[in-house]
Amino acid sequence: MSSAPADPLIGRTLDERYVVRSRIARGGMATVYLGNDLRLQRRVAIKVMHHHLVEDDSFTRRFEQEARSAAMLGNANVVGVFDQGVDGGLPYLVMEYLPGITLRELLKQQKRLTADQALEIGEAVLAGLAAAHAAGLVHRDLKPENVLLADDGRIKIGDFGLARAVSANTTTGQALLGTIAYLSPELVTRGVADARSDVYAFGIMLFEMLTGQQPFKGEQAMQIAYQHAHSEVPAPSTLNPEVGPEFDRLVQWCTQREPDARPRDAGEVIDSLRAIRDGEPLGSTRVLPFTLPIGTATPATAVLSGGERQ
């Protein structure tokens, strides 16, 4: 039995500074390696774009955008990017190294999370998203694979390769770049995204943390996309009776099909999540008044019935 070919990057030193030690993960756009920064004497994660994508300007721009987006945030809940370069024609990013697992791996281990776990992870994710939204950035690819749970307890969101400014929110024909299970209806149908699209993805992710499964399933990606565009996300308690009504309300508020019916950004969501954590009554949202039974369709005329948040 022949062994797999050796990775030619392992053992190589990029730009006479970053030594590539071992492979950590491989994704659709790049491979991530564990490395050493010879100048600062620290371990780093090195993300190297796949060779066959180098000639594609759109992928190169996305790769460079990840560095700029993460660097401008400098938030404790966003994976930091230290450097960017090109060696031997291969673009690479140097990021902080976080030994641990992803939220996807935790979900595979436990199937579904406890309410306390969902609150802790959810608050950290929202803090990172809120920083991005406040800076005028939309992540556009929030999913469990992009949530890193470090061994030392830190929780960070990464992979800002699809991030772009709120003012440039059209996907120009690439509406399905993000993972289909977390795409908002407006990304599916119109190819546009803003902070409320990230809120929708968070709502789907919170549903999955609480129930152990995604709300929409299908054999083909377009079947799932159709459900995002035309179906309401069910209350998590319909799949897990242990989920309390406060989580039901929050998930359904975040995943309203109409963007105007959702929280305006992650900062608004984190206020509600912290109220759940602190055991405080949520009161009325702009869309889902406390008296509205879970699962009831929300008429368009009710969108502003609760008034804007002060």
C-alpha atoms as a PDB file:
ATOM      1  CA  MET A   1       0.000   0.000   0.000  1.00  0.00           C
ATOM      2  CA  SER A   2       1.533   3.317  -1.135  1.00  0.00           C
ATOM      3  CA  SER A   3       1.632   6.217   1.276  1.00  0.00           C
ATOM      4  CA  ALA A   4       0.122   9.601   0.543  1.00  0.00           C
ATOM      5  CA  PRO A   5       2.489  12.063  -1.135  1.00  0.00           C
ATOM      6  CA  ALA A   6       4.320  14.365   1.259  1.00  0.00           C
ATOM      7  CA  ASP A   7       3.114  17.942   1.487  1.00  0.00           C
ATOM      8  CA  PRO A   8       5.854  20.030  -0.189  1.00  0.00           C
ATOM      9  CA  LEU A   9       5.142  23.004   2.066  1.00  0.00           C
ATOM     10  CA  ILE A  10       5.963  21.182   5.303  1.00  0.00           C
ATOM     11  CA  GLY A  11       9.468  22.125   6.357  1.00  0.00           C
ATOM     12  CA  ARG A  12       9.562  25.143   4.075  1.00  0.00           C
ATOM     13  CA  THR A  13      10.259  28.651   5.391  1.00  0.00           C
ATOM     14  CA  LEU A  14       8.071  31.384   3.909  1.00  0.00           C
ATOM     15  CA  ASP A  15       9.782  34.726   3.298  1.00  0.00           C
ATOM     16  CA  GLU A  16      12.691  33.589   5.494  1.00  0.00           C
ATOM     17  CA  ARG A  17      10.506  34.007   8.567  1.00  0.00           C
ATOM     18  CA  TYR A  18       7.658  31.495   8.901  1.00  0.00           C
ATOM     19  CA  VAL A  19       8.566  27.814   9.188  1.00  0.00           C
ATOM     20  CA  VAL A  20       5.756  25.459   8.135  1.00  0.00           C
ATOM     21  CA  ARG A  21       5.635  22.568  10.638  1.00  0.00           C
ATOM     22  CA  SER A  22       2.489  20.484  10.072  1.00  0.00           C
ATOM     23  CA  ARG A  23      -0.948  20.584   8.506  1.00  0.00           C
ATOM     24  CA  ILE A  24      -3.888  21.580  10.713  1.00  0.00           C
ATOM     25  CA  ALA A  25      -6.828  21.667   8.310  1.00  0.00           C
ATOM     26  CA  ARG A  26      -7.732  21.886   4.636  1.00  0.00           C
ATOM     27  CA  GLY A  27     -10.655  23.899   3.266  1.00  0.00           C
ATOM     28  CA  GLY A  28     -12.068  24.830  -0.097  1.00  0.00           C
ATOM     29  CA  MET A  29      -9.815  27.854  -0.573  1.00  0.00           C
ATOM     30  CA  ALA A  30      -6.718  27.169   1.499  1.00  0.00           C
ATOM     31  CA  THR A  31      -4.778  24.827   3.761  1.00  0.00           C
ATOM     32  CA  VAL A  32      -3.924  25.859   7.321  1.00  0.00           C
ATOM     33  CA  TYR A  33      -0.604  24.845   8.842  1.00  0.00           C
ATOM     34  CA  LEU A  34       1.007  25.085  12.240  1.00  0.00           C
ATOM     35  CA  GLY A  35       4.156  27.151  11.983  1.00  0.00           C
ATOM     36  CA  ASN A  36       6.816  29.084  13.834  1.00  0.00           C
ATOM     37  CA  ASP A  37       7.544  32.782  13.521  1.00  0.00           C
ATOM     38  CA  LEU A  38      11.347  32.874  13.641  1.00  0.00           C
ATOM     39  CA  ARG A  39      11.471  36.595  14.295  1.00  0.00           C
ATOM     40  CA  LEU A  40       9.083  36.729  17.268  1.00  0.00           C
ATOM     41  CA  GLN A  41       9.647  33.135  18.430  1.00  0.00           C
ATOM     42  CA  ARG A  42       5.991  32.138  18.618  1.00  0.00           C
ATOM     43  CA  ARG A  43       3.708  29.509  17.168  1.00  0.00           C
ATOM     44  CA  VAL A  44       1.348  30.725  14.476  1.00  0.00           C
ATOM     45  CA  ALA A  45      -1.252  29.368  12.087  1.00  0.00           C
ATOM     46  CA  ILE A  46      -0.328  29.846   8.424  1.00  0.00           C
ATOM     47  CA  LYS A  47      -3.122  29.839   5.875  1.00  0.00           C
ATOM     48  CA  VAL A  48      -1.868  29.157   2.332  1.00  0.00           C
ATOM     49  CA  MET A  49      -4.124  29.488  -0.699  1.00  0.00           C
ATOM     50  CA  HIS A  50      -4.478  26.394  -2.883  1.00  0.00           C
ATOM     51  CA  HIS A  51      -2.159  26.559  -5.865  1.00  0.00           C
ATOM     52  CA  HIS A  52      -4.931  26.012  -8.426  1.00  0.00           C
ATOM     53  CA  LEU A  53      -6.805  29.097  -7.201  1.00  0.00           C
ATOM     54  CA  VAL A  54      -3.926  31.548  -7.426  1.00  0.00           C
ATOM     55  CA  GLU A  55      -4.789  32.602 -10.981  1.00  0.00           C
ATOM     56  CA  ASP A  56      -8.399  33.372 -10.019  1.00  0.00           C
ATOM     57  CA  ASP A  57      -8.515  37.063  -9.140  1.00  0.00           C
ATOM     58  CA  SER A  58     -11.783  36.711  -7.203  1.00  0.00           C
ATOM     59  CA  PHE A  59     -10.276  34.136  -4.827  1.00  0.00           C
ATOM     60  CA  THR A  60      -7.130  36.204  -4.413  1.00  0.00           C
ATOM     61  CA  ARG A  61      -9.197  39.270  -3.530  1.00  0.00           C
ATOM     62  CA  ARG A  62     -11.220  37.268  -0.985  1.00  0.00           C
ATOM     63  CA  PHE A  63      -8.023  35.963   0.554  1.00  0.00           C
ATOM     64  CA  GLU A  64      -6.593  39.455   0.894  1.00  0.00           C
ATOM     65  CA  GLN A  65      -9.918  40.741   2.216  1.00  0.00           C
ATOM     66  CA  GLU A  66      -9.748  38.260   5.076  1.00  0.00           C
ATOM     67  CA  ALA A  67      -6.493  39.802   6.257  1.00  0.00           C
ATOM     68  CA  ARG A  68      -7.794  43.357   6.041  1.00  0.00           C
ATOM     69  CA  SER A  69     -11.139  42.558   7.685  1.00  0.00           C
ATOM     70  CA  ALA A  70      -9.711  40.687  10.665  1.00  0.00           C
ATOM     71  CA  ALA A  71      -6.832  43.119  11.129  1.00  0.00           C
ATOM     72  CA  MET A  72      -9.063  46.185  11.274  1.00  0.00           C
ATOM     73  CA  LEU A  73     -11.254  44.635  13.974  1.00  0.00           C
ATOM     74  CA  GLY A  74      -8.678  43.638  16.585  1.00  0.00           C
ATOM     75  CA  ASN A  75     -11.437  42.083  18.693  1.00  0.00           C
ATOM     76  CA  ALA A  76     -10.887  39.460  21.404  1.00  0.00           C
ATOM     77  CA  ASN A  77     -13.535  37.226  19.803  1.00  0.00           C
ATOM     78  CA  VAL A  78     -12.123  37.407  16.270  1.00  0.00           C
ATOM     79  CA  VAL A  79      -9.122  35.341  15.173  1.00  0.00           C
ATOM     80  CA  GLY A  80      -6.242  37.785  14.771  1.00  0.00           C
ATOM     81  CA  VAL A  81      -4.300  38.119  11.532  1.00  0.00           C
ATOM     82  CA  PHE A  82      -0.652  39.111  12.045  1.00  0.00           C
ATOM     83  CA  ASP A  83       0.806  39.215   8.539  1.00  0.00           C
ATOM     84  CA  GLN A  84       0.118  38.692   4.856  1.00  0.00           C
ATOM     85  CA  GLY A  85       2.484  37.821   2.033  1.00  0.00           C
ATOM     86  CA  VAL A  86       3.259  35.887  -1.139  1.00  0.00           C
ATOM     87  CA  ASP A  87       6.018  33.292  -1.353  1.00  0.00           C
ATOM     88  CA  GLY A  88       6.773  31.367  -4.506  1.00  0.00           C
ATOM     89  CA  GLY A  89       3.572  32.682  -6.038  1.00  0.00           C
ATOM     90  CA  LEU A  90       1.450  31.385  -3.141  1.00  0.00           C
ATOM     91  CA  PRO A  91      -0.473  33.973  -1.092  1.00  0.00           C
ATOM     92  CA  TYR A  92      -0.510  33.274   2.641  1.00  0.00           C
ATOM     93  CA  LEU A  93      -1.870  34.718   5.875  1.00  0.00           C
ATOM     94  CA  VAL A  94      -0.256  34.420   9.298  1.00  0.00           C
ATOM     95  CA  MET A  95      -2.804  34.153  12.089  1.00  0.00           C
ATOM     96  CA  GLU A  96      -2.847  33.516  15.811  1.00  0.00           C
ATOM     97  CA  TYR A  97      -2.671  29.821  16.628  1.00  0.00           C
ATOM     98  CA  LEU A  98      -5.548  28.525  18.738  1.00  0.00           C
ATOM     99  CA  PRO A  99      -5.142  24.877  19.763  1.00  0.00           C
ATOM    100  CA  GLY A 100      -8.584  23.419  20.320  1.00  0.00           C
ATOM    101  CA  ILE A 101     -11.616  22.364  18.303  1.00  0.00           C
ATOM    102  CA  THR A 102     -14.323  23.983  16.213  1.00  0.00           C
ATOM    103  CA  LEU A 103     -17.961  24.282  17.208  1.00  0.00           C
ATOM    104  CA  ARG A 104     -18.720  21.735  14.466  1.00  0.00           C
ATOM    105  CA  GLU A 105     -16.459  19.206  16.165  1.00  0.00           C
ATOM    106  CA  LEU A 106     -18.104  19.874  19.526  1.00  0.00           C
ATOM    107  CA  LEU A 107     -21.535  19.318  17.981  1.00  0.00           C
ATOM    108  CA  LYS A 108     -20.344  16.028  16.513  1.00  0.00           C
ATOM    109  CA  GLN A 109     -19.144  14.951  19.953  1.00  0.00           C
ATOM    110  CA  GLN A 110     -22.232  15.995  21.926  1.00  0.00           C
ATOM    111  CA  LYS A 111     -24.914  16.177  19.196  1.00  0.00           C
ATOM    112  CA  ARG A 112     -26.575  19.103  20.967  1.00  0.00           C
ATOM    113  CA  LEU A 113     -25.356  21.536  23.586  1.00  0.00           C
ATOM    114  CA  THR A 114     -26.702  22.517  26.962  1.00  0.00           C
ATOM    115  CA  ALA A 115     -28.382  25.885  27.405  1.00  0.00           C
ATOM    116  CA  ASP A 116     -25.343  27.143  29.338  1.00  0.00           C
ATOM    117  CA  GLN A 117     -22.978  26.080  26.545  1.00  0.00           C
ATOM    118  CA  ALA A 118     -25.179  27.731  23.924  1.00  0.00           C
ATOM    119  CA  LEU A 119     -25.244  30.941  25.952  1.00  0.00           C
ATOM    120  CA  GLU A 120     -21.477  31.043  26.457  1.00  0.00           C
ATOM    121  CA  ILE A 121     -20.623  30.284  22.843  1.00  0.00           C
ATOM    122  CA  GLY A 122     -23.426  32.447  21.505  1.00  0.00           C
ATOM    123  CA  GLU A 123     -22.364  35.491  23.502  1.00  0.00           C
ATOM    124  CA  ALA A 124     -18.751  35.196  22.325  1.00  0.00           C
ATOM    125  CA  VAL A 125     -19.789  34.794  18.694  1.00  0.00           C
ATOM    126  CA  LEU A 126     -22.120  37.775  18.919  1.00  0.00           C
ATOM    127  CA  ALA A 127     -19.407  39.905  20.519  1.00  0.00           C
ATOM    128  CA  GLY A 128     -17.128  39.263  17.545  1.00  0.00           C
ATOM    129  CA  LEU A 129     -19.947  39.855  15.074  1.00  0.00           C
ATOM    130  CA  ALA A 130     -20.992  43.042  16.864  1.00  0.00           C
ATOM    131  CA  ALA A 131     -17.460  44.395  16.450  1.00  0.00           C
ATOM    132  CA  ALA A 132     -17.590  43.599  12.744  1.00  0.00           C
ATOM    133  CA  HIS A 133     -21.002  45.196  12.327  1.00  0.00           C
ATOM    134  CA  ALA A 134     -19.927  48.302  14.226  1.00  0.00           C
ATOM    135  CA  ALA A 135     -16.976  48.575  11.813  1.00  0.00           C
ATOM    136  CA  GLY A 136     -19.322  48.303   8.841  1.00  0.00           C
ATOM    137  CA  LEU A 137     -18.412  44.712   7.950  1.00  0.00           C
ATOM    138  CA  VAL A 138     -20.640  41.711   7.253  1.00  0.00           C
ATOM    139  CA  HIS A 139     -19.138  38.240   7.767  1.00  0.00           C
ATOM    140  CA  ARG A 140     -21.476  36.399   5.330  1.00  0.00           C
ATOM    141  CA  ASP A 141     -20.213  32.903   6.173  1.00  0.00           C
ATOM    142  CA  LEU A 142     -21.003  32.331   9.840  1.00  0.00           C
ATOM    143  CA  LYS A 143     -21.231  28.599  10.608  1.00  0.00           C
ATOM    144  CA  PRO A 144     -19.972  26.154  13.273  1.00  0.00           C
ATOM    145  CA  GLU A 145     -16.849  25.396  11.223  1.00  0.00           C
ATOM    146  CA  ASN A 146     -15.797  29.031  11.625  1.00  0.00           C
ATOM    147  CA  VAL A 147     -16.232  29.165  15.405  1.00  0.00           C
ATOM    148  CA  LEU A 148     -13.033  28.157  17.213  1.00  0.00           C
ATOM    149  CA  LEU A 149     -13.091  26.849  20.787  1.00  0.00           C
ATOM    150  CA  ALA A 150      -9.575  27.119  22.175  1.00  0.00           C
ATOM    151  CA  ASP A 151      -8.234  24.807  24.854  1.00  0.00           C
ATOM    152  CA  ASP A 152      -7.735  27.783  27.170  1.00  0.00           C
ATOM    153  CA  GLY A 153     -11.411  28.748  27.006  1.00  0.00           C
ATOM    154  CA  ARG A 154     -11.243  31.477  24.383  1.00  0.00           C
ATOM    155  CA  ILE A 155     -13.973  31.481  21.743  1.00  0.00           C
ATOM    156  CA  LYS A 156     -13.352  33.217  18.421  1.00  0.00           C
ATOM    157  CA  ILE A 157     -14.873  33.514  14.977  1.00  0.00           C
ATOM    158  CA  GLY A 158     -12.618  33.239  11.976  1.00  0.00           C
ATOM    159  CA  ASP A 159     -12.592  33.024   8.190  1.00  0.00           C
ATOM    160  CA  PHE A 160     -13.506  36.528   7.120  1.00  0.00           C
ATOM    161  CA  GLY A 161     -12.723  35.577   3.518  1.00  0.00           C
ATOM    162  CA  LEU A 162     -16.278  36.420   2.462  1.00  0.00           C
ATOM    163  CA  ALA A 163     -16.542  39.568   4.554  1.00  0.00           C
ATOM    164  CA  ARG A 164     -17.240  42.825   2.792  1.00  0.00           C
ATOM    165  CA  ALA A 165     -18.353  46.329   3.582  1.00  0.00           C
ATOM    166  CA  VAL A 166     -22.051  46.832   4.285  1.00  0.00           C
ATOM    167  CA  SER A 167     -22.158  49.463   1.540  1.00  0.00           C
ATOM    168  CA  ALA A 168     -21.005  46.858  -1.003  1.00  0.00           C
ATOM    169  CA  ASN A 169     -23.489  44.162  -0.123  1.00  0.00           C
ATOM    170  CA  THR A 170     -24.319  42.716  -3.550  1.00  0.00           C
ATOM    171  CA  THR A 171     -22.863  39.303  -4.285  1.00  0.00           C
ATOM    172  CA  THR A 172     -22.800  39.885  -8.066  1.00  0.00           C
ATOM    173  CA  GLY A 173     -23.926  36.413  -8.989  1.00  0.00           C
ATOM    174  CA  GLN A 174     -22.144  34.633  -6.135  1.00  0.00           C
ATOM    175  CA  ALA A 175     -25.053  34.519  -3.691  1.00  0.00           C
ATOM    176  CA  LEU A 176     -24.367  30.941  -2.651  1.00  0.00           C
ATOM    177  CA  LEU A 177     -20.725  31.346  -1.645  1.00  0.00           C
ATOM    178  CA  GLY A 178     -21.582  30.871   2.020  1.00  0.00           C
ATOM    179  CA  THR A 179     -22.597  27.490   3.354  1.00  0.00           C
ATOM    180  CA  ILE A 180     -26.143  26.858   2.190  1.00  0.00           C
ATOM    181  CA  ALA A 181     -27.493  25.710   5.570  1.00  0.00           C
ATOM    182  CA  TYR A 182     -26.909  29.171   7.084  1.00  0.00           C
ATOM    183  CA  LEU A 183     -27.741  31.473   4.172  1.00  0.00           C
ATOM    184  CA  SER A 184     -30.402  34.106   4.746  1.00  0.00           C
ATOM    185  CA  PRO A 185     -33.422  34.279   2.431  1.00  0.00           C
ATOM    186  CA  GLU A 186     -32.237  37.554   0.880  1.00  0.00           C
ATOM    187  CA  LEU A 187     -28.878  35.995  -0.027  1.00  0.00           C
ATOM    188  CA  VAL A 188     -30.678  33.071  -1.650  1.00  0.00           C
ATOM    189  CA  THR A 189     -33.259  35.095  -3.579  1.00  0.00           C
ATOM    190  CA  ARG A 190     -31.595  38.450  -4.251  1.00  0.00           C
ATOM    191  CA  GLY A 191     -27.905  37.950  -3.630  1.00  0.00           C
ATOM    192  CA  VAL A 192     -27.615  40.764  -1.078  1.00  0.00           C
ATOM    193  CA  ALA A 193     -26.426  40.739   2.511  1.00  0.00           C
ATOM    194  CA  ASP A 194     -26.112  43.096   5.443  1.00  0.00           C
ATOM    195  CA  ALA A 195     -25.706  42.737   9.206  1.00  0.00           C
ATOM    196  CA  ARG A 196     -29.184  41.187   9.447  1.00  0.00           C
ATOM    197  CA  SER A 197     -27.977  38.332   7.206  1.00  0.00           C
ATOM    198  CA  ASP A 198     -25.340  37.473   9.817  1.00  0.00           C
ATOM    199  CA  VAL A 199     -28.086  37.640  12.459  1.00  0.00           C
ATOM    200  CA  TYR A 200     -30.083  35.066  10.475  1.00  0.00           C
ATOM    201  CA  ALA A 201     -27.047  32.761  10.259  1.00  0.00           C
ATOM    202  CA  PHE A 202     -26.545  33.111  14.007  1.00  0.00           C
ATOM    203  CA  GLY A 203     -30.191  32.172  14.588  1.00  0.00           C
ATOM    204  CA  ILE A 204     -29.744  29.008  12.510  1.00  0.00           C
ATOM    205  CA  MET A 205     -26.558  28.186  14.405  1.00  0.00           C
ATOM    206  CA  LEU A 206     -28.271  28.739  17.759  1.00  0.00           C
ATOM    207  CA  PHE A 207     -31.090  26.428  16.618  1.00  0.00           C
ATOM    208  CA  GLU A 208     -28.486  23.778  15.779  1.00  0.00           C
ATOM    209  CA  MET A 209     -26.679  24.166  19.095  1.00  0.00           C
ATOM    210  CA  LEU A 210     -29.930  23.657  20.999  1.00  0.00           C
ATOM    211  CA  THR A 211     -31.380  20.807  18.916  1.00  0.00           C
ATOM    212  CA  GLY A 212     -28.412  19.032  17.363  1.00  0.00           C
ATOM    213  CA  GLN A 213     -29.693  19.512  13.827  1.00  0.00           C
ATOM    214  CA  GLN A 214     -30.302  22.171  11.219  1.00  0.00           C
ATOM    215  CA  PRO A 215     -33.887  23.322  10.647  1.00  0.00           C
ATOM    216  CA  PHE A 216     -33.918  22.601   6.902  1.00  0.00           C
ATOM    217  CA  LYS A 217     -32.753  19.442   5.163  1.00  0.00           C
ATOM    218  CA  GLY A 218     -32.612  18.232   1.587  1.00  0.00           C
ATOM    219  CA  GLU A 219     -30.689  15.960  -0.753  1.00  0.00           C
ATOM    220  CA  GLN A 220     -29.583  18.908  -2.875  1.00  0.00           C
ATOM    221  CA  ALA A 221     -28.355  22.354  -1.889  1.00  0.00           C
ATOM    222  CA  MET A 222     -31.115  24.134  -3.809  1.00  0.00           C
ATOM    223  CA  GLN A 223     -33.780  22.222  -1.862  1.00  0.00           C
ATOM    224  CA  ILE A 224     -32.375  23.688   1.342  1.00  0.00           C
ATOM    225  CA  ALA A 225     -32.066  27.130  -0.226  1.00  0.00           C
ATOM    226  CA  TYR A 226     -35.730  27.002  -1.255  1.00  0.00           C
ATOM    227  CA  GLN A 227     -36.788  26.263   2.312  1.00  0.00           C
ATOM    228  CA  HIS A 228     -34.768  29.216   3.627  1.00  0.00           C
ATOM    229  CA  ALA A 229     -36.584  31.456   1.169  1.00  0.00           C
ATOM    230  CA  HIS A 230     -40.100  30.121   1.652  1.00  0.00           C
ATOM    231  CA  SER A 231     -40.406  28.382   5.045  1.00  0.00           C
ATOM    232  CA  GLU A 232     -40.397  29.565   8.644  1.00  0.00           C
ATOM    233  CA  VAL A 233     -37.720  28.232  10.969  1.00  0.00           C
ATOM    234  CA  PRO A 234     -39.516  26.139  13.621  1.00  0.00           C
ATOM    235  CA  ALA A 235     -39.127  26.740  17.327  1.00  0.00           C
ATOM    236  CA  PRO A 236     -36.208  24.730  18.750  1.00  0.00           C
ATOM    237  CA  SER A 237     -38.506  23.297  21.427  1.00  0.00           C
ATOM    238  CA  THR A 238     -40.375  21.338  18.742  1.00  0.00           C
ATOM    239  CA  LEU A 239     -37.253  19.159  18.454  1.00  0.00           C
ATOM    240  CA  ASN A 240     -35.933  19.493  21.998  1.00  0.00           C
ATOM    241  CA  PRO A 241     -38.658  19.954  24.641  1.00  0.00           C
ATOM    242  CA  GLU A 242     -36.018  21.053  27.158  1.00  0.00           C
ATOM    243  CA  VAL A 243     -35.524  24.326  25.279  1.00  0.00           C
ATOM    244  CA  GLY A 244     -37.221  27.196  27.072  1.00  0.00           C
ATOM    245  CA  PRO A 245     -39.605  29.690  25.437  1.00  0.00           C
ATOM    246  CA  GLU A 246     -37.039  32.491  25.713  1.00  0.00           C
ATOM    247  CA  PHE A 247     -34.728  30.615  23.312  1.00  0.00           C
ATOM    248  CA  ASP A 248     -37.668  29.871  21.014  1.00  0.00           C
ATOM    249  CA  ARG A 249     -38.472  33.558  20.799  1.00  0.00           C
ATOM    250  CA  LEU A 250     -34.874  34.584  20.188  1.00  0.00           C
ATOM    251  CA  VAL A 251     -34.287  31.997  17.438  1.00  0.00           C
ATOM    252  CA  GLN A 252     -37.507  32.896  15.678  1.00  0.00           C
ATOM    253  CA  TRP A 253     -36.806  36.616  15.920  1.00  0.00           C
ATOM    254  CA  CYS A 254     -33.333  36.177  14.417  1.00  0.00           C
ATOM    255  CA  THR A 255     -34.603  33.951  11.594  1.00  0.00           C
ATOM    256  CA  GLN A 256     -37.567  35.952  10.327  1.00  0.00           C
ATOM    257  CA  ARG A 257     -37.611  35.741   6.543  1.00  0.00           C
ATOM    258  CA  GLU A 258     -37.938  39.497   6.106  1.00  0.00           C
ATOM    259  CA  PRO A 259     -34.708  41.275   7.123  1.00  0.00           C
ATOM    260  CA  ASP A 260     -36.653  44.227   8.559  1.00  0.00           C
ATOM    261  CA  ALA A 261     -38.330  41.851  11.010  1.00  0.00           C
ATOM    262  CA  ARG A 262     -35.014  40.718  12.540  1.00  0.00           C
ATOM    263  CA  PRO A 263     -32.703  42.443  15.018  1.00  0.00           C
ATOM    264  CA  ARG A 264     -30.804  45.158  13.187  1.00  0.00           C
ATOM    265  CA  ASP A 265     -27.363  43.750  14.068  1.00  0.00           C
ATOM    266  CA  ALA A 266     -25.466  41.462  16.439  1.00  0.00           C
ATOM    267  CA  GLY A 267     -25.372  44.146  19.110  1.00  0.00           C
ATOM    268  CA  GLU A 268     -29.135  44.006  19.423  1.00  0.00           C
ATOM    269  CA  VAL A 269     -29.115  40.208  19.634  1.00  0.00           C
ATOM    270  CA  ILE A 270     -26.455  40.112  22.342  1.00  0.00           C
ATOM    271  CA  ASP A 271     -28.632  42.269  24.606  1.00  0.00           C
ATOM    272  CA  SER A 272     -31.390  39.639  24.443  1.00  0.00           C
ATOM    273  CA  LEU A 273     -28.970  36.749  24.910  1.00  0.00           C
ATOM    274  CA  ARG A 274     -27.509  38.361  28.019  1.00  0.00           C
ATOM    275  CA  ALA A 275     -31.003  38.885  29.382  1.00  0.00           C
ATOM    276  CA  ILE A 276     -31.615  35.140  29.012  1.00  0.00           C
ATOM    277  CA  ARG A 277     -28.294  34.417  30.723  1.00  0.00           C
ATOM    278  CA  ASP A 278     -29.150  36.731  33.614  1.00  0.00           C
ATOM    279  CA  GLY A 279     -32.655  35.321  33.976  1.00  0.00           C
ATOM    280  CA  GLU A 280     -34.292  38.605  33.094  1.00  0.00           C
ATOM    281  CA  PRO A 281     -37.630  38.796  31.239  1.00  0.00           C
ATOM    282  CA  LEU A 282     -37.068  39.631  27.594  1.00  0.00           C
ATOM    283  CA  GLY A 283     -40.123  41.848  27.308  1.00  0.00           C
ATOM    284  CA  SER A 284     -41.399  42.601  23.806  1.00  0.00           C
ATOM    285  CA  THR A 285     -39.257  42.642  20.702  1.00  0.00           C
ATOM    286  CA  ARG A 286     -40.046  44.834  17.757  1.00  0.00           C
ATOM    287  CA  VAL A 287     -41.488  41.831  15.942  1.00  0.00           C
ATOM    288  CA  LEU A 288     -42.409  39.135  18.431  1.00  0.00           C
ATOM    289  CA  PRO A 289     -44.438  40.607  21.310  1.00  0.00           C
ATOM    290  CA  PHE A 290     -44.377  38.542  24.469  1.00  0.00           C
ATOM    291  CA  THR A 291     -48.047  37.671  23.960  1.00  0.00           C
ATOM    292  CA  LEU A 292     -47.507  36.206  20.484  1.00  0.00           C
ATOM    293  CA  PRO A 293     -47.683  32.382  20.631  1.00  0.00           C
ATOM    294  CA  ILE A 294     -44.615  30.616  19.314  1.00  0.00           C
ATOM    295  CA  GLY A 295     -45.155  29.432  15.749  1.00  0.00           C
ATOM    296  CA  THR A 296     -47.692  32.137  14.917  1.00  0.00           C
ATOM    297  CA  ALA A 297     -47.001  33.883  11.620  1.00  0.00           C
ATOM    298  CA  THR A 298     -46.091  37.497  12.111  1.00  0.00           C
ATOM    299  CA  PRO A 299     -48.070  39.881   9.881  1.00  0.00           C
ATOM    300  CA  ALA A 300     -46.094  42.562   8.110  1.00  0.00           C
ATOM    301  CA  THR A 301     -48.123  45.233   9.905  1.00  0.00           C
ATOM    302  CA  ALA A 302     -46.758  44.003  13.246  1.00  0.00           C
ATOM    303  CA  VAL A 303     -43.153  44.755  12.397  1.00  0.00           C
ATOM    304  CA  LEU A 304     -43.123  48.100  14.166  1.00  0.00           C
ATOM    305  CA  SER A 305     -45.887  47.423  16.667  1.00  0.00           C
ATOM    306  CA  GLY A 306     -43.471  47.137  19.558  1.00  0.00           C
ATOM    307  CA  GLY A 307     -41.594  50.323  18.692  1.00  0.00           C
ATOM    308  CA  GLU A 308     -37.915  50.739  17.984  1.00  0.00           C
ATOM    309  CA  ARG A 309     -35.326  49.866  20.583  1.00  0.00           C
ATOM    310  CA  GLN A 310     -34.043  52.948  22.362  1.00  0.00           C
END
